[in-house]
Amino acid sequence: NTVDQLSSSTSVVVYVARSDVVAVVFGGSHRSILFGKSLILDASGSYDKDLEVSPASTFVYDWSCRQVRNYLGYPEYSTLCPLSVKGPTNANQLHLLADNVRSLYLKGSTVEITLLIVSSDGRSDSTTVTIDVIDAGAPIISFDEKLLDARFDPANRF
């Protein structure tokens, strides 16, 4: 008995899509700036999920600013940024100064700074940081992280 050997073959083409890029601004999505002071937003932590290390030169950076609340606390949407921008708006850092003479009523206003990153192959992502402009004369409250874990007993007065 002879057994005939049969064979078959096929091929498959697999396309692997690129992963996302991720825009990151260090310091959180809600920040404050004292009137008369400066603030640097740093996006050097933005990354490409396909790369182990994403050098800053991997992306094109585009920062934009708009006012979302006026000094009275009312919504006010304007593409005119009440903060002074020092330096380029296409780098991985944005230097802001809360001393803009165009706005006598800057104290108490809120702005949104949006970062758009674009990779060399066109993938993009964006993130927004909300910034409150605080009057330098206003009281400022801060918390020590170590104390936040401790329990507070109102009956135990100092």
Protein backbone atom coordinates (compact mmCIF):
# COMPACT_ATOMS: atom_id res chain seq x y z
CA ASN A 1 0.00 0.00 0.00
CA THR A 2 1.20 3.36 -0.93
CA VAL A 3 -0.04 6.40 0.88
CA ASP A 4 -0.22 9.56 -1.13
CA GLN A 5 1.17 12.54 0.71
CA LEU A 6 -0.85 15.71 0.41
CA SER A 7 0.40 19.12 1.31
CA SER A 8 -1.07 22.52 1.50
CA SER A 9 0.20 25.97 2.23
CA THR A 10 -1.20 29.40 2.89
CA SER A 11 0.14 32.79 3.73
CA VAL A 12 -1.10 35.53 5.99
CA VAL A 13 -0.17 39.17 5.93
CA VAL A 14 -0.28 40.78 9.34
CA TYR A 15 -0.38 44.54 9.68
CA VAL A 16 0.60 45.94 13.04
CA ALA A 17 -0.85 49.35 13.70
CA ARG A 18 1.23 51.98 15.43
CA SER A 19 0.43 52.65 19.08
CA ASP A 20 -0.68 56.01 20.36
CA VAL A 21 1.49 58.91 21.34
CA VAL A 22 0.73 60.42 24.75
CA ALA A 23 0.93 64.11 25.65
CA VAL A 24 2.06 64.62 29.26
CA VAL A 25 2.51 67.87 31.16
CA PHE A 26 4.28 67.40 34.50
CA GLY A 27 2.61 68.86 37.59
CA GLY A 28 -0.99 67.85 37.02
CA SER A 29 -3.94 69.15 35.08
CA HIS A 30 -4.87 71.97 37.48
CA ARG A 31 -2.25 74.50 38.52
CA SER A 32 -2.08 77.94 40.09
CA ILE A 33 0.14 80.92 39.43
CA LEU A 34 0.59 83.95 41.65
CA PHE A 35 0.06 87.29 39.96
CA GLY A 36 3.50 88.69 39.12
CA LYS A 37 5.17 85.25 39.10
CA SER A 38 6.10 82.77 36.40
CA LEU A 39 5.26 79.15 35.72
CA ILE A 40 6.96 76.66 33.40
CA LEU A 41 4.88 73.87 31.91
CA ASP A 42 7.06 70.90 30.99
CA ALA A 43 5.95 68.36 28.39
CA SER A 44 9.24 66.51 28.16
CA GLY A 45 7.48 63.44 29.59
CA SER A 46 5.36 63.03 26.45
CA TYR A 47 6.04 59.71 24.81
CA ASP A 48 5.44 57.31 21.93
CA LYS A 49 4.13 53.94 23.17
CA ASP A 50 6.12 52.22 20.40
CA LEU A 51 9.47 53.53 21.63
CA GLU A 52 11.32 52.67 24.82
CA VAL A 53 12.70 56.18 25.00
CA SER A 54 11.00 59.11 23.31
CA PRO A 55 13.46 61.98 22.86
CA ALA A 56 11.94 65.47 22.85
CA SER A 57 12.82 65.79 19.16
CA THR A 58 10.34 62.97 18.41
CA PHE A 59 7.42 65.43 18.46
CA VAL A 60 6.25 68.75 17.15
CA TYR A 61 4.82 70.70 20.10
CA ASP A 62 2.05 73.26 19.80
CA TRP A 63 0.86 75.14 22.90
CA SER A 64 -2.29 77.27 22.87
CA CYS A 65 -4.01 79.38 25.51
CA ARG A 66 -7.54 80.62 26.09
CA GLN A 67 -9.26 82.39 28.96
CA VAL A 68 -12.22 80.45 30.39
CA ARG A 69 -13.16 82.50 33.47
CA ASN A 70 -12.82 86.20 34.15
CA TYR A 71 -11.72 87.89 37.36
CA LEU A 72 -15.33 87.96 38.64
CA GLY A 73 -15.63 84.19 38.30
CA TYR A 74 -17.93 84.31 35.27
CA PRO A 75 -17.31 82.16 32.20
CA GLU A 76 -15.45 84.12 29.56
CA TYR A 77 -14.14 82.26 26.56
CA SER A 78 -11.50 84.15 24.68
CA THR A 79 -8.61 83.08 22.48
CA LEU A 80 -6.71 86.13 23.72
CA CYS A 81 -4.38 84.70 26.36
CA PRO A 82 -4.18 86.94 29.44
CA LEU A 83 -0.82 85.42 30.43
CA SER A 84 2.48 86.52 28.92
CA VAL A 85 4.28 83.77 27.04
CA LYS A 86 8.07 83.99 27.20
CA GLY A 87 9.85 82.05 24.52
CA PRO A 88 8.57 79.73 21.80
CA THR A 89 5.20 77.96 21.77
CA ASN A 90 6.60 75.05 19.74
CA ALA A 91 9.05 73.63 22.30
CA ASN A 92 8.57 70.98 24.97
CA GLN A 93 8.41 73.68 27.67
CA LEU A 94 6.18 76.73 27.90
CA HIS A 95 7.20 79.66 30.10
CA LEU A 96 4.23 81.71 31.34
CA LEU A 97 4.24 84.98 33.27
CA ALA A 98 1.20 86.36 35.11
CA ASP A 99 1.96 90.04 34.65
CA ASN A 100 0.25 90.83 31.38
CA VAL A 101 -0.47 94.54 31.15
CA ARG A 102 -3.22 93.84 28.60
CA SER A 103 -5.39 92.59 31.44
CA LEU A 104 -5.80 94.80 34.47
CA TYR A 105 -8.17 92.18 35.82
CA LEU A 106 -5.95 89.12 35.52
CA LYS A 107 -6.11 88.22 39.24
CA GLY A 108 -8.82 85.63 39.82
CA SER A 109 -9.10 84.61 36.17
CA THR A 110 -8.69 81.09 34.83
CA VAL A 111 -6.98 80.02 31.62
CA GLU A 112 -6.65 76.72 29.82
CA ILE A 113 -3.34 75.83 28.21
CA THR A 114 -3.64 73.05 25.64
CA LEU A 115 -0.67 71.08 24.39
CA LEU A 116 -0.87 69.26 21.06
CA ILE A 117 1.94 66.87 20.17
CA VAL A 118 2.35 65.41 16.68
CA SER A 119 4.77 62.61 15.80
CA SER A 120 6.75 62.52 12.57
CA ASP A 121 4.22 60.05 11.09
CA GLY A 122 1.20 62.20 12.00
CA ARG A 123 -0.04 60.52 15.18
CA SER A 124 -1.17 63.10 17.72
CA ASP A 125 -2.49 63.63 21.23
CA SER A 126 -3.41 66.60 23.35
CA THR A 127 -3.84 67.47 26.99
CA THR A 128 -5.10 70.55 28.80
CA VAL A 129 -3.87 72.26 31.96
CA THR A 130 -6.19 74.65 33.79
CA ILE A 131 -4.40 77.53 35.50
CA ASP A 132 -5.90 79.81 38.14
CA VAL A 133 -4.26 83.23 38.55
CA ILE A 134 -4.13 84.02 42.26
CA ASP A 135 -3.75 87.44 43.82
CA ALA A 136 -0.36 87.54 45.56
CA GLY A 137 -2.07 89.14 48.59
CA ALA A 138 -4.55 86.28 48.99
CA PRO A 139 -3.88 83.72 51.72
CA ILE A 140 -2.43 80.46 50.46
CA ILE A 141 -3.09 77.12 52.14
CA SER A 142 -0.83 74.15 51.59
CA PHE A 143 -0.80 70.68 53.10
CA ASP A 144 2.09 68.51 54.10
CA GLU A 145 1.55 65.09 52.55
CA LYS A 146 2.75 63.38 55.74
CA LEU A 147 0.03 65.09 57.72
CA LEU A 148 -2.69 64.14 55.26
CA ASP A 149 -2.33 60.49 56.27
CA ALA A 150 -2.73 61.30 59.97
CA ARG A 151 -6.18 61.30 61.56
CA PHE A 152 -7.53 64.52 62.98
CA ASP A 153 -9.42 64.50 66.27
CA PRO A 154 -11.35 67.76 66.77
CA ALA A 155 -11.52 67.09 70.52
CA ASN A 156 -7.73 67.13 70.69
CA ARG A 157 -6.90 70.82 70.65
CA PHE A 158 -3.37 72.05 70.63
